[in-house]
N, C-alpha and C. Protein backbone atom coordinates (compact mmCIF):
# COMPACT_ATOMS: atom_id res chain seq x y z
N MET A 1 17.18 -4.64 -9.72
CA MET A 1 16.12 -5.18 -10.55
C MET A 1 15.00 -5.73 -9.67
N ALA A 2 13.74 -5.45 -10.04
CA ALA A 2 12.61 -5.94 -9.25
C ALA A 2 11.38 -6.01 -10.15
N ASN A 3 10.38 -6.79 -9.70
CA ASN A 3 9.12 -6.86 -10.43
C ASN A 3 8.51 -5.47 -10.52
N ASN A 4 7.95 -5.15 -11.69
CA ASN A 4 7.37 -3.82 -11.87
C ASN A 4 5.85 -3.81 -11.72
N GLY A 5 5.29 -4.92 -11.24
CA GLY A 5 3.86 -4.96 -10.97
C GLY A 5 3.01 -5.41 -12.13
N SER A 6 3.62 -5.75 -13.27
CA SER A 6 2.86 -6.21 -14.43
C SER A 6 3.36 -7.59 -14.85
N SER A 7 2.56 -8.27 -15.66
CA SER A 7 2.94 -9.61 -16.12
C SER A 7 2.38 -9.84 -17.51
N ASP A 8 2.75 -10.96 -18.10
CA ASP A 8 2.28 -11.30 -19.44
C ASP A 8 0.92 -12.01 -19.41
N GLY A 9 0.34 -12.12 -18.22
CA GLY A 9 -0.96 -12.78 -18.08
C GLY A 9 -0.86 -14.28 -17.90
N GLU A 10 0.33 -14.83 -18.01
CA GLU A 10 0.53 -16.27 -17.85
C GLU A 10 1.50 -16.59 -16.73
N GLY A 11 1.69 -15.64 -15.84
CA GLY A 11 2.51 -15.89 -14.66
C GLY A 11 3.92 -15.34 -14.73
N THR A 12 4.36 -14.89 -15.90
CA THR A 12 5.70 -14.30 -16.03
C THR A 12 5.64 -12.83 -15.62
N LEU A 13 6.42 -12.48 -14.58
CA LEU A 13 6.43 -11.12 -14.08
C LEU A 13 7.52 -10.31 -14.78
N TYR A 14 7.15 -9.12 -15.23
CA TYR A 14 8.12 -8.24 -15.88
C TYR A 14 8.94 -7.51 -14.83
N GLN A 15 10.18 -7.17 -15.18
CA GLN A 15 11.08 -6.50 -14.25
C GLN A 15 11.65 -5.23 -14.86
N ASN A 16 12.00 -4.32 -13.97
CA ASN A 16 12.74 -3.11 -14.33
C ASN A 16 13.74 -2.81 -13.23
N GLY A 17 14.66 -1.91 -13.55
CA GLY A 17 15.62 -1.45 -12.56
C GLY A 17 15.09 -0.21 -11.84
N TYR A 18 15.23 -0.18 -10.53
CA TYR A 18 14.77 0.93 -9.72
C TYR A 18 15.95 1.62 -9.04
N CYS A 19 15.86 2.93 -8.93
CA CYS A 19 16.86 3.70 -8.19
C CYS A 19 16.28 3.99 -6.81
N ILE A 20 16.95 3.50 -5.76
CA ILE A 20 16.39 3.44 -4.41
C ILE A 20 16.94 4.56 -3.53
N LYS A 21 16.04 5.14 -2.73
CA LYS A 21 16.43 6.14 -1.74
C LYS A 21 15.76 5.81 -0.41
N ILE A 22 16.42 6.19 0.68
CA ILE A 22 15.79 6.05 2.00
C ILE A 22 14.71 7.11 2.13
N ASP A 23 13.51 6.68 2.57
CA ASP A 23 12.38 7.59 2.73
C ASP A 23 12.23 8.04 4.17
N ARG A 24 12.18 7.10 5.13
CA ARG A 24 12.04 7.43 6.54
C ARG A 24 12.94 6.52 7.38
N GLN A 25 13.44 7.06 8.50
CA GLN A 25 14.17 6.28 9.51
C GLN A 25 13.67 6.75 10.87
N LEU A 26 12.97 5.86 11.60
CA LEU A 26 12.35 6.24 12.86
C LEU A 26 12.66 5.21 13.94
N LYS A 27 13.16 5.69 15.09
CA LYS A 27 13.43 4.80 16.22
C LYS A 27 12.19 4.68 17.10
N VAL A 28 11.93 3.47 17.58
CA VAL A 28 10.79 3.20 18.45
C VAL A 28 11.29 2.38 19.65
N GLU A 29 10.84 2.76 20.84
CA GLU A 29 11.18 2.00 22.04
C GLU A 29 10.07 0.98 22.32
N THR A 30 10.42 -0.30 22.39
CA THR A 30 9.46 -1.37 22.66
C THR A 30 9.90 -2.13 23.90
N ARG A 31 9.06 -3.08 24.33
CA ARG A 31 9.43 -3.92 25.47
C ARG A 31 10.62 -4.82 25.14
N GLN A 32 10.84 -5.06 23.85
CA GLN A 32 11.99 -5.86 23.41
C GLN A 32 13.24 -5.01 23.20
N GLY A 33 13.11 -3.70 23.39
CA GLY A 33 14.24 -2.81 23.20
C GLY A 33 14.01 -1.85 22.04
N THR A 34 15.05 -1.13 21.67
CA THR A 34 14.96 -0.15 20.59
C THR A 34 14.85 -0.84 19.24
N ARG A 35 14.00 -0.32 18.39
CA ARG A 35 13.89 -0.79 17.01
C ARG A 35 13.97 0.41 16.07
N LEU A 36 14.64 0.21 14.94
CA LEU A 36 14.75 1.24 13.91
C LEU A 36 13.92 0.81 12.71
N TYR A 37 12.89 1.58 12.42
CA TYR A 37 12.01 1.31 11.28
C TYR A 37 12.46 2.16 10.09
N VAL A 38 12.69 1.50 8.98
CA VAL A 38 13.22 2.17 7.79
C VAL A 38 12.33 1.85 6.59
N SER A 39 11.91 2.90 5.86
CA SER A 39 11.23 2.69 4.58
C SER A 39 12.13 3.23 3.46
N VAL A 40 12.17 2.50 2.35
CA VAL A 40 12.89 2.94 1.17
C VAL A 40 11.90 2.98 0.01
N THR A 41 12.18 3.81 -0.97
CA THR A 41 11.27 3.95 -2.10
C THR A 41 12.08 4.11 -3.38
N GLY A 42 11.47 3.73 -4.51
CA GLY A 42 12.21 3.79 -5.75
C GLY A 42 11.32 4.04 -6.96
N ASP A 43 11.87 4.77 -7.92
CA ASP A 43 11.22 4.98 -9.21
C ASP A 43 11.92 4.13 -10.27
N ILE A 44 11.16 3.71 -11.28
CA ILE A 44 11.78 2.98 -12.39
C ILE A 44 12.82 3.87 -13.07
N GLY A 45 14.01 3.31 -13.29
CA GLY A 45 15.09 4.09 -13.89
C GLY A 45 15.71 3.46 -15.12
N PHE A 46 15.68 2.09 -15.21
CA PHE A 46 16.38 1.46 -16.35
C PHE A 46 15.77 0.09 -16.64
N ASN A 47 16.04 -0.39 -17.84
CA ASN A 47 15.60 -1.71 -18.28
C ASN A 47 16.65 -2.76 -17.92
N GLU A 48 16.32 -4.03 -18.16
CA GLU A 48 17.25 -5.11 -17.83
C GLU A 48 18.56 -4.99 -18.59
N ASP A 49 18.53 -4.41 -19.79
CA ASP A 49 19.76 -4.25 -20.57
C ASP A 49 20.55 -3.01 -20.19
N GLY A 50 20.05 -2.26 -19.18
CA GLY A 50 20.75 -1.07 -18.72
C GLY A 50 20.30 0.21 -19.37
N SER A 51 19.46 0.13 -20.39
CA SER A 51 18.99 1.34 -21.06
C SER A 51 18.00 2.09 -20.17
N GLU A 52 17.90 3.39 -20.40
CA GLU A 52 17.03 4.21 -19.57
C GLU A 52 15.57 3.83 -19.78
N ALA A 53 14.78 3.84 -18.70
CA ALA A 53 13.36 3.47 -18.78
C ALA A 53 12.53 4.51 -18.04
N TYR A 54 11.29 4.62 -18.45
CA TYR A 54 10.35 5.51 -17.80
C TYR A 54 9.15 4.70 -17.34
N GLY A 55 8.49 5.17 -16.30
CA GLY A 55 7.38 4.43 -15.74
C GLY A 55 6.12 4.52 -16.57
N ALA A 56 5.81 3.45 -17.30
CA ALA A 56 4.55 3.41 -18.02
C ALA A 56 3.39 3.38 -17.02
N HIS A 57 2.21 3.71 -17.50
CA HIS A 57 1.05 3.81 -16.60
C HIS A 57 0.79 2.51 -15.85
N VAL A 58 1.00 1.37 -16.50
CA VAL A 58 0.67 0.09 -15.86
C VAL A 58 1.75 -0.39 -14.90
N PHE A 59 2.91 0.27 -14.87
CA PHE A 59 4.00 -0.16 -14.00
C PHE A 59 3.84 0.46 -12.61
N SER A 60 4.34 -0.24 -11.60
CA SER A 60 4.29 0.24 -10.22
C SER A 60 5.65 0.77 -9.78
N GLY A 61 5.60 1.63 -8.77
CA GLY A 61 6.82 2.03 -8.11
C GLY A 61 7.25 0.95 -7.13
N LEU A 62 8.33 1.20 -6.42
CA LEU A 62 8.87 0.23 -5.48
C LEU A 62 8.92 0.82 -4.08
N VAL A 63 8.64 -0.05 -3.09
CA VAL A 63 8.82 0.33 -1.70
C VAL A 63 9.45 -0.85 -0.96
N GLY A 64 10.31 -0.55 -0.02
CA GLY A 64 10.90 -1.58 0.83
C GLY A 64 10.81 -1.16 2.28
N MET A 65 10.80 -2.14 3.17
CA MET A 65 10.74 -1.85 4.61
C MET A 65 11.69 -2.75 5.37
N PHE A 66 12.35 -2.17 6.37
CA PHE A 66 13.27 -2.91 7.23
C PHE A 66 12.99 -2.56 8.68
N VAL A 67 13.07 -3.56 9.54
CA VAL A 67 13.06 -3.33 10.99
C VAL A 67 14.41 -3.82 11.50
N LEU A 68 15.16 -2.93 12.14
CA LEU A 68 16.50 -3.26 12.63
C LEU A 68 16.52 -3.25 14.15
N LYS A 69 17.33 -4.14 14.72
CA LYS A 69 17.51 -4.16 16.17
C LYS A 69 18.99 -3.98 16.49
N PRO A 70 19.30 -3.46 17.67
CA PRO A 70 20.71 -3.21 18.01
C PRO A 70 21.53 -4.50 18.02
N GLN A 71 22.74 -4.39 17.52
CA GLN A 71 23.69 -5.50 17.54
C GLN A 71 25.08 -4.90 17.72
N GLY A 72 25.62 -5.04 18.94
CA GLY A 72 26.92 -4.43 19.22
C GLY A 72 26.83 -2.93 19.08
N SER A 73 27.72 -2.35 18.32
CA SER A 73 27.71 -0.90 18.10
C SER A 73 26.88 -0.51 16.88
N GLY A 74 26.24 -1.50 16.23
CA GLY A 74 25.47 -1.21 15.03
C GLY A 74 24.07 -1.82 15.09
N TRP A 75 23.61 -2.30 13.95
CA TRP A 75 22.26 -2.83 13.82
C TRP A 75 22.28 -4.13 13.03
N GLU A 76 21.30 -4.97 13.27
CA GLU A 76 21.09 -6.13 12.42
C GLU A 76 19.62 -6.21 12.03
N VAL A 77 19.35 -6.86 10.90
CA VAL A 77 17.99 -6.92 10.37
C VAL A 77 17.15 -7.92 11.18
N GLU A 78 15.99 -7.47 11.63
CA GLU A 78 15.04 -8.34 12.30
C GLU A 78 13.92 -8.77 11.35
N SER A 79 13.40 -7.82 10.56
CA SER A 79 12.37 -8.10 9.55
C SER A 79 12.67 -7.26 8.32
N ALA A 80 12.39 -7.82 7.14
CA ALA A 80 12.70 -7.06 5.93
C ALA A 80 11.96 -7.60 4.72
N ASN A 81 11.61 -6.70 3.86
CA ASN A 81 11.18 -7.00 2.49
C ASN A 81 11.61 -5.81 1.65
N PRO A 82 12.70 -5.92 0.90
CA PRO A 82 13.27 -4.75 0.25
C PRO A 82 12.59 -4.34 -1.04
N ALA A 83 11.70 -5.18 -1.60
CA ALA A 83 11.17 -4.88 -2.94
C ALA A 83 9.71 -5.28 -3.05
N MET A 84 8.81 -4.33 -2.72
CA MET A 84 7.37 -4.51 -2.90
C MET A 84 6.87 -3.42 -3.85
N ASN A 85 5.74 -3.66 -4.48
CA ASN A 85 5.20 -2.69 -5.42
C ASN A 85 4.17 -1.79 -4.75
N ALA A 86 4.29 -0.49 -4.97
CA ALA A 86 3.32 0.51 -4.52
C ALA A 86 3.64 1.82 -5.22
N GLY A 87 2.62 2.44 -5.77
CA GLY A 87 2.81 3.67 -6.52
C GLY A 87 2.53 3.46 -7.99
N ALA A 88 1.89 4.44 -8.63
CA ALA A 88 1.48 4.32 -10.02
C ALA A 88 2.52 4.91 -10.97
N SER A 89 2.43 4.50 -12.23
CA SER A 89 3.27 5.04 -13.31
C SER A 89 4.76 4.94 -12.99
N GLY A 90 5.14 3.85 -12.32
CA GLY A 90 6.55 3.60 -12.05
C GLY A 90 7.16 4.46 -10.97
N LYS A 91 6.35 5.22 -10.25
CA LYS A 91 6.85 6.12 -9.21
C LYS A 91 6.57 5.54 -7.83
N GLY A 92 7.59 5.44 -7.01
CA GLY A 92 7.41 4.92 -5.66
C GLY A 92 6.73 5.93 -4.75
N LEU A 93 5.86 5.44 -3.87
CA LEU A 93 5.20 6.33 -2.91
C LEU A 93 6.21 6.84 -1.89
N LYS A 94 6.12 8.11 -1.58
CA LYS A 94 7.06 8.75 -0.66
C LYS A 94 6.34 9.23 0.59
N ASP A 95 7.12 9.63 1.60
CA ASP A 95 6.60 10.18 2.85
C ASP A 95 5.69 9.19 3.57
N TRP A 96 6.20 7.98 3.80
CA TRP A 96 5.44 6.97 4.53
C TRP A 96 5.30 7.38 5.99
N LYS A 97 4.13 7.08 6.57
CA LYS A 97 3.84 7.43 7.96
C LYS A 97 3.88 6.17 8.81
N LEU A 98 4.47 6.26 10.00
CA LEU A 98 4.57 5.12 10.91
C LEU A 98 3.40 5.14 11.88
N ILE A 99 2.66 4.01 11.97
CA ILE A 99 1.55 3.89 12.91
C ILE A 99 1.72 2.60 13.72
N GLN A 100 1.15 2.58 14.91
CA GLN A 100 1.23 1.39 15.77
C GLN A 100 0.16 0.39 15.34
N VAL A 101 0.57 -0.86 15.07
CA VAL A 101 -0.35 -1.89 14.58
C VAL A 101 -0.52 -3.04 15.57
N ALA A 102 0.25 -3.05 16.64
CA ALA A 102 0.18 -4.08 17.68
C ALA A 102 0.87 -3.50 18.91
N PRO A 103 0.73 -4.14 20.08
CA PRO A 103 1.34 -3.57 21.29
C PRO A 103 2.82 -3.25 21.14
N ASP A 104 3.57 -4.07 20.39
CA ASP A 104 5.00 -3.82 20.23
C ASP A 104 5.42 -3.82 18.76
N LYS A 105 4.48 -3.48 17.87
CA LYS A 105 4.81 -3.44 16.45
C LYS A 105 4.23 -2.19 15.82
N TRP A 106 4.99 -1.65 14.88
CA TRP A 106 4.56 -0.50 14.12
C TRP A 106 4.61 -0.85 12.63
N GLY A 107 3.91 -0.08 11.83
CA GLY A 107 3.93 -0.32 10.39
C GLY A 107 3.90 1.00 9.65
N PHE A 108 4.34 0.97 8.41
CA PHE A 108 4.29 2.15 7.55
C PHE A 108 3.01 2.14 6.73
N ILE A 109 2.39 3.32 6.57
CA ILE A 109 1.16 3.44 5.79
C ILE A 109 1.27 4.59 4.81
N ASN A 110 0.59 4.42 3.66
CA ASN A 110 0.57 5.45 2.62
C ASN A 110 -0.69 5.25 1.80
N ILE A 111 -0.90 6.08 0.79
CA ILE A 111 -2.07 5.96 -0.09
C ILE A 111 -1.60 5.87 -1.53
N HIS A 112 -2.07 4.82 -2.21
CA HIS A 112 -1.80 4.60 -3.64
C HIS A 112 -3.06 5.01 -4.41
N SER A 113 -2.89 5.81 -5.45
CA SER A 113 -4.02 6.24 -6.28
C SER A 113 -3.73 5.95 -7.74
N ASP A 114 -4.80 5.61 -8.47
CA ASP A 114 -4.62 5.28 -9.88
C ASP A 114 -5.98 5.31 -10.58
N SER A 115 -5.93 5.38 -11.91
CA SER A 115 -7.15 5.38 -12.73
C SER A 115 -6.94 4.49 -13.93
N HIS A 116 -7.96 3.70 -14.25
CA HIS A 116 -7.94 2.83 -15.43
C HIS A 116 -9.33 2.82 -16.05
N TRP A 117 -9.42 3.37 -17.26
CA TRP A 117 -10.67 3.39 -18.02
C TRP A 117 -11.78 4.02 -17.19
N VAL A 118 -12.86 3.30 -16.86
CA VAL A 118 -13.95 3.90 -16.09
C VAL A 118 -13.82 3.61 -14.59
N HIS A 119 -12.65 3.15 -14.17
CA HIS A 119 -12.40 2.88 -12.75
C HIS A 119 -11.39 3.89 -12.23
N SER A 120 -11.65 4.45 -11.08
CA SER A 120 -10.72 5.39 -10.46
C SER A 120 -10.77 5.19 -8.96
N GLY A 121 -9.63 5.26 -8.31
CA GLY A 121 -9.67 5.08 -6.87
C GLY A 121 -8.32 5.17 -6.20
N SER A 122 -8.35 4.92 -4.90
CA SER A 122 -7.12 4.93 -4.11
C SER A 122 -7.25 3.86 -3.04
N ALA A 123 -6.11 3.47 -2.50
CA ALA A 123 -6.09 2.42 -1.47
C ALA A 123 -5.04 2.75 -0.43
N PHE A 124 -5.36 2.41 0.83
CA PHE A 124 -4.36 2.47 1.88
C PHE A 124 -3.40 1.30 1.68
N VAL A 125 -2.10 1.56 1.73
CA VAL A 125 -1.09 0.51 1.65
C VAL A 125 -0.41 0.44 3.01
N LEU A 126 -0.52 -0.71 3.66
CA LEU A 126 0.02 -0.88 5.02
C LEU A 126 1.10 -1.95 5.00
N LEU A 127 2.27 -1.59 5.49
CA LEU A 127 3.41 -2.52 5.59
C LEU A 127 3.62 -2.85 7.06
N THR A 128 3.59 -4.15 7.39
CA THR A 128 3.71 -4.55 8.79
C THR A 128 4.72 -5.69 8.93
N PRO A 129 5.54 -5.66 10.00
CA PRO A 129 6.48 -6.77 10.23
C PRO A 129 5.75 -8.02 10.69
N ASP A 130 6.18 -9.15 10.17
CA ASP A 130 5.63 -10.45 10.57
C ASP A 130 6.80 -11.42 10.64
N LYS A 131 7.31 -11.62 11.86
CA LYS A 131 8.52 -12.42 12.06
C LYS A 131 9.65 -11.80 11.24
N SER A 132 10.28 -12.56 10.35
CA SER A 132 11.40 -12.01 9.59
C SER A 132 10.96 -11.32 8.30
N ASN A 133 9.66 -11.37 8.00
CA ASN A 133 9.16 -10.84 6.74
C ASN A 133 8.40 -9.53 6.98
N ILE A 134 8.01 -8.87 5.90
CA ILE A 134 7.14 -7.71 5.93
C ILE A 134 5.92 -8.03 5.08
N ARG A 135 4.73 -7.80 5.62
CA ARG A 135 3.50 -8.03 4.86
C ARG A 135 2.98 -6.71 4.31
N ARG A 136 2.49 -6.78 3.07
CA ARG A 136 1.87 -5.62 2.43
C ARG A 136 0.37 -5.86 2.31
N SER A 137 -0.43 -4.94 2.87
CA SER A 137 -1.88 -5.07 2.83
C SER A 137 -2.48 -3.86 2.11
N TRP A 138 -3.53 -4.11 1.34
CA TRP A 138 -4.23 -3.05 0.61
C TRP A 138 -5.65 -2.96 1.15
N VAL A 139 -6.10 -1.77 1.46
CA VAL A 139 -7.47 -1.53 1.89
C VAL A 139 -8.01 -0.36 1.06
N GLU A 140 -9.11 -0.61 0.36
CA GLU A 140 -9.67 0.42 -0.53
C GLU A 140 -10.01 1.68 0.26
N ALA A 141 -9.57 2.84 -0.22
CA ALA A 141 -9.84 4.12 0.42
C ALA A 141 -10.93 4.89 -0.32
N LYS A 142 -10.91 4.81 -1.65
CA LYS A 142 -11.93 5.46 -2.46
C LYS A 142 -12.06 4.68 -3.76
N TYR A 143 -13.29 4.50 -4.20
CA TYR A 143 -13.52 3.77 -5.45
C TYR A 143 -14.67 4.42 -6.20
N GLU A 144 -14.43 4.72 -7.47
CA GLU A 144 -15.47 5.30 -8.31
C GLU A 144 -15.52 4.56 -9.63
N HIS A 145 -16.73 4.20 -10.03
CA HIS A 145 -16.90 3.46 -11.28
C HIS A 145 -18.26 3.79 -11.87
N SER A 146 -18.30 3.93 -13.18
CA SER A 146 -19.60 4.07 -13.86
C SER A 146 -19.54 3.32 -15.17
N ASN A 147 -20.70 2.99 -15.70
CA ASN A 147 -20.77 2.31 -16.98
C ASN A 147 -21.09 3.30 -18.10
N GLY A 148 -20.77 4.57 -17.85
CA GLY A 148 -21.11 5.59 -18.83
C GLY A 148 -20.43 5.40 -20.17
N GLY A 149 -19.28 4.70 -20.16
CA GLY A 149 -18.62 4.38 -21.42
C GLY A 149 -17.92 5.55 -22.07
N SER A 150 -17.66 6.60 -21.32
CA SER A 150 -17.01 7.77 -21.91
C SER A 150 -15.52 7.56 -22.09
N GLY A 151 -14.97 6.54 -21.42
CA GLY A 151 -13.54 6.30 -21.50
C GLY A 151 -12.75 7.06 -20.47
N SER A 152 -13.43 7.92 -19.71
CA SER A 152 -12.73 8.66 -18.67
C SER A 152 -12.85 7.93 -17.35
N ALA A 153 -11.84 8.05 -16.51
CA ALA A 153 -11.86 7.36 -15.22
C ALA A 153 -12.97 7.93 -14.35
N GLY A 154 -13.52 7.07 -13.53
CA GLY A 154 -14.61 7.50 -12.66
C GLY A 154 -15.87 7.73 -13.47
N GLY A 155 -16.42 8.91 -13.37
CA GLY A 155 -17.51 9.27 -14.25
C GLY A 155 -18.88 9.21 -13.63
N CYS A 156 -19.00 9.32 -12.30
CA CYS A 156 -20.33 9.35 -11.71
C CYS A 156 -21.10 10.59 -12.14
N SER A 157 -20.41 11.64 -12.56
CA SER A 157 -21.08 12.85 -13.03
C SER A 157 -21.49 12.75 -14.49
N ASN A 158 -21.14 11.64 -15.14
CA ASN A 158 -21.50 11.44 -16.55
C ASN A 158 -23.00 11.21 -16.65
N PRO A 159 -23.74 12.06 -17.37
CA PRO A 159 -25.20 11.89 -17.45
C PRO A 159 -25.62 10.61 -18.16
N ASP A 160 -24.71 9.96 -18.91
CA ASP A 160 -25.03 8.72 -19.61
C ASP A 160 -24.87 7.50 -18.72
N ALA A 161 -24.40 7.69 -17.49
CA ALA A 161 -24.15 6.55 -16.60
C ALA A 161 -25.46 6.02 -16.03
N SER A 162 -25.76 4.76 -16.33
CA SER A 162 -26.97 4.15 -15.79
C SER A 162 -26.72 3.50 -14.44
N THR A 163 -25.48 3.12 -14.15
CA THR A 163 -25.11 2.62 -12.83
C THR A 163 -23.84 3.33 -12.39
N CYS A 164 -23.68 3.46 -11.09
CA CYS A 164 -22.51 4.19 -10.60
C CYS A 164 -22.19 3.76 -9.19
N THR A 165 -20.90 3.72 -8.88
CA THR A 165 -20.42 3.43 -7.53
C THR A 165 -19.48 4.55 -7.11
N LEU A 166 -19.68 5.07 -5.93
CA LEU A 166 -18.78 6.05 -5.36
C LEU A 166 -18.68 5.77 -3.86
N LEU A 167 -17.58 5.16 -3.45
CA LEU A 167 -17.37 4.76 -2.06
C LEU A 167 -16.11 5.43 -1.52
N LYS A 168 -16.18 5.89 -0.28
CA LYS A 168 -15.04 6.49 0.40
C LYS A 168 -14.90 5.86 1.78
N ALA A 169 -13.68 5.59 2.19
CA ALA A 169 -13.43 4.94 3.47
C ALA A 169 -12.39 5.71 4.27
N LYS A 170 -12.59 5.76 5.58
CA LYS A 170 -11.59 6.27 6.51
C LYS A 170 -11.03 5.09 7.29
N LEU A 171 -9.72 5.12 7.54
CA LEU A 171 -9.07 4.02 8.22
C LEU A 171 -8.62 4.45 9.61
N GLY A 172 -8.91 3.59 10.59
CA GLY A 172 -8.43 3.79 11.95
C GLY A 172 -7.89 2.47 12.49
N VAL A 173 -7.36 2.50 13.69
CA VAL A 173 -6.82 1.31 14.34
C VAL A 173 -7.54 1.14 15.67
N ASP A 174 -8.13 -0.03 15.89
CA ASP A 174 -8.85 -0.33 17.13
C ASP A 174 -7.86 -0.86 18.17
N LYS A 175 -7.34 0.04 19.00
CA LYS A 175 -6.30 -0.33 19.96
C LYS A 175 -6.88 -0.93 21.24
N LYS A 176 -8.20 -1.09 21.29
CA LYS A 176 -8.82 -1.72 22.47
C LYS A 176 -8.86 -3.23 22.32
N THR A 177 -8.59 -3.74 21.11
CA THR A 177 -8.75 -5.16 20.83
C THR A 177 -7.47 -5.71 20.22
N ILE A 178 -7.13 -6.96 20.55
CA ILE A 178 -6.00 -7.64 19.92
C ILE A 178 -6.51 -8.96 19.35
N ILE A 179 -6.32 -9.16 18.05
CA ILE A 179 -6.71 -10.40 17.39
C ILE A 179 -5.50 -10.94 16.63
N ASN A 180 -5.11 -12.18 16.93
CA ASN A 180 -3.94 -12.79 16.30
C ASN A 180 -2.69 -11.92 16.45
N GLY A 181 -2.59 -11.25 17.60
CA GLY A 181 -1.39 -10.47 17.90
C GLY A 181 -1.37 -9.06 17.36
N PHE A 182 -2.41 -8.66 16.60
CA PHE A 182 -2.44 -7.32 16.00
C PHE A 182 -3.72 -6.60 16.38
N TYR A 183 -3.67 -5.27 16.36
CA TYR A 183 -4.89 -4.49 16.48
C TYR A 183 -5.70 -4.60 15.18
N PRO A 184 -7.02 -4.76 15.24
CA PRO A 184 -7.81 -4.75 14.00
C PRO A 184 -7.81 -3.35 13.38
N LEU A 185 -7.97 -3.30 12.08
CA LEU A 185 -8.18 -2.04 11.38
C LEU A 185 -9.67 -1.72 11.41
N GLU A 186 -9.99 -0.46 11.56
CA GLU A 186 -11.38 -0.02 11.60
C GLU A 186 -11.66 0.83 10.37
N ILE A 187 -12.58 0.37 9.54
CA ILE A 187 -12.92 1.05 8.30
C ILE A 187 -14.31 1.67 8.43
N THR A 188 -14.41 2.97 8.18
CA THR A 188 -15.70 3.66 8.18
C THR A 188 -16.05 4.02 6.74
N LEU A 189 -17.13 3.43 6.24
CA LEU A 189 -17.48 3.52 4.82
C LEU A 189 -18.66 4.45 4.59
N ASN A 190 -18.53 5.32 3.59
CA ASN A 190 -19.61 6.20 3.15
C ASN A 190 -19.69 6.16 1.63
N GLY A 191 -20.91 6.37 1.11
CA GLY A 191 -21.10 6.43 -0.33
C GLY A 191 -22.24 5.56 -0.79
N PHE A 192 -22.19 5.20 -2.05
CA PHE A 192 -23.27 4.40 -2.61
C PHE A 192 -22.76 3.48 -3.70
N GLU A 193 -23.44 2.38 -3.86
CA GLU A 193 -23.18 1.40 -4.91
C GLU A 193 -24.51 1.09 -5.57
N ASP A 194 -24.74 1.74 -6.72
CA ASP A 194 -26.06 1.73 -7.35
C ASP A 194 -27.09 2.24 -6.36
N ASP A 195 -28.05 1.41 -5.93
CA ASP A 195 -29.11 1.87 -5.02
C ASP A 195 -28.78 1.63 -3.55
N LYS A 196 -27.65 1.01 -3.26
CA LYS A 196 -27.29 0.72 -1.87
C LYS A 196 -26.45 1.85 -1.31
N VAL A 197 -26.89 2.40 -0.18
CA VAL A 197 -26.23 3.56 0.41
C VAL A 197 -25.52 3.15 1.71
N TYR A 198 -24.29 3.64 1.89
CA TYR A 198 -23.52 3.41 3.11
C TYR A 198 -23.33 4.74 3.81
N LYS A 199 -23.68 4.81 5.09
CA LYS A 199 -23.49 6.03 5.86
C LYS A 199 -22.82 5.69 7.18
N ASN A 200 -21.55 6.03 7.27
CA ASN A 200 -20.73 5.75 8.47
C ASN A 200 -20.84 4.28 8.89
N LYS A 201 -20.81 3.39 7.91
CA LYS A 201 -20.84 1.95 8.17
C LYS A 201 -19.44 1.50 8.58
N VAL A 202 -19.34 0.87 9.75
CA VAL A 202 -18.03 0.51 10.32
C VAL A 202 -17.77 -0.98 10.14
N TYR A 203 -16.58 -1.31 9.65
CA TYR A 203 -16.15 -2.69 9.50
C TYR A 203 -14.82 -2.86 10.21
N LEU A 204 -14.61 -4.04 10.80
CA LEU A 204 -13.31 -4.37 11.39
C LEU A 204 -12.60 -5.37 10.48
N ILE A 205 -11.34 -5.13 10.22
CA ILE A 205 -10.52 -6.04 9.42
C ILE A 205 -9.44 -6.61 10.33
N LYS A 206 -9.45 -7.90 10.52
CA LYS A 206 -8.49 -8.50 11.44
C LYS A 206 -7.33 -9.12 10.66
N TYR A 207 -6.19 -9.17 11.30
CA TYR A 207 -4.98 -9.76 10.72
C TYR A 207 -5.13 -11.26 10.60
N GLN A 208 -4.80 -11.78 9.42
CA GLN A 208 -4.88 -13.22 9.15
C GLN A 208 -3.45 -13.79 9.10
N PRO A 209 -3.08 -14.64 10.05
CA PRO A 209 -1.69 -15.12 10.08
C PRO A 209 -1.27 -15.87 8.82
N ASP A 210 -2.18 -16.54 8.15
CA ASP A 210 -1.83 -17.32 6.97
C ASP A 210 -2.09 -16.61 5.66
C-alpha cells in the first residue's frame, strides 16, 4: 500500500496497492567501494479492501530506489526510498537510466508525461541518494498551454488561442562544478511564452541540502 499521488484537498492522501517489480540493478565502483543501484517500479493493482483497481488518470504510478553496499557475503541498505510517485494513470515509469550526479554518487532519471485540460507536458524525474534517504526532483522538460478553451490538452495550434506557451528543455549535468556536494543540472530552454522567446537559454539548477 502506498500514496497514489492524489488527496482530498485537505491533506488526506489517498492510497492504493501496487504490484512491484525490479526495474534496474546496476553496480558502480566508487572511492567508497562497490555500490549496487536498484530501481523498482509498480502499477496500481488493488484497493485497500483487496479488490482489483485500475489506474485512474489522476493517480500516479510508483517508483522506489535503493543503494546497497557490500556486507559480508551479501548487501545492506545504504540509502532507500521504496515508495515515491512517478508515472501517469497509475502506471509506474519503467527503464530508468543511471547518471552520475556527484563525484561518487549516481541517480536514476526518467521522463513523466501527462495532460490535463489545456495543459500538456513532461518532466524529468531525478532520484538521487542523500545520506540514508532518496530525493525525488522534478524538472520541466516540455510544457504547452493555451487559453483556447477547446478542452483539449495543449492547443497552441488552436486558432482560438489568444495566448499560448510552448517550452522545451534539454537536461545535462555540469561535471566541471560541484555545489553542495553535487554537480549542478544544466537546463537549455527553447520556445515561447506569449511574446517572450527563449532560444538556447541556459540555466543552472543547484542541489539544495534543505
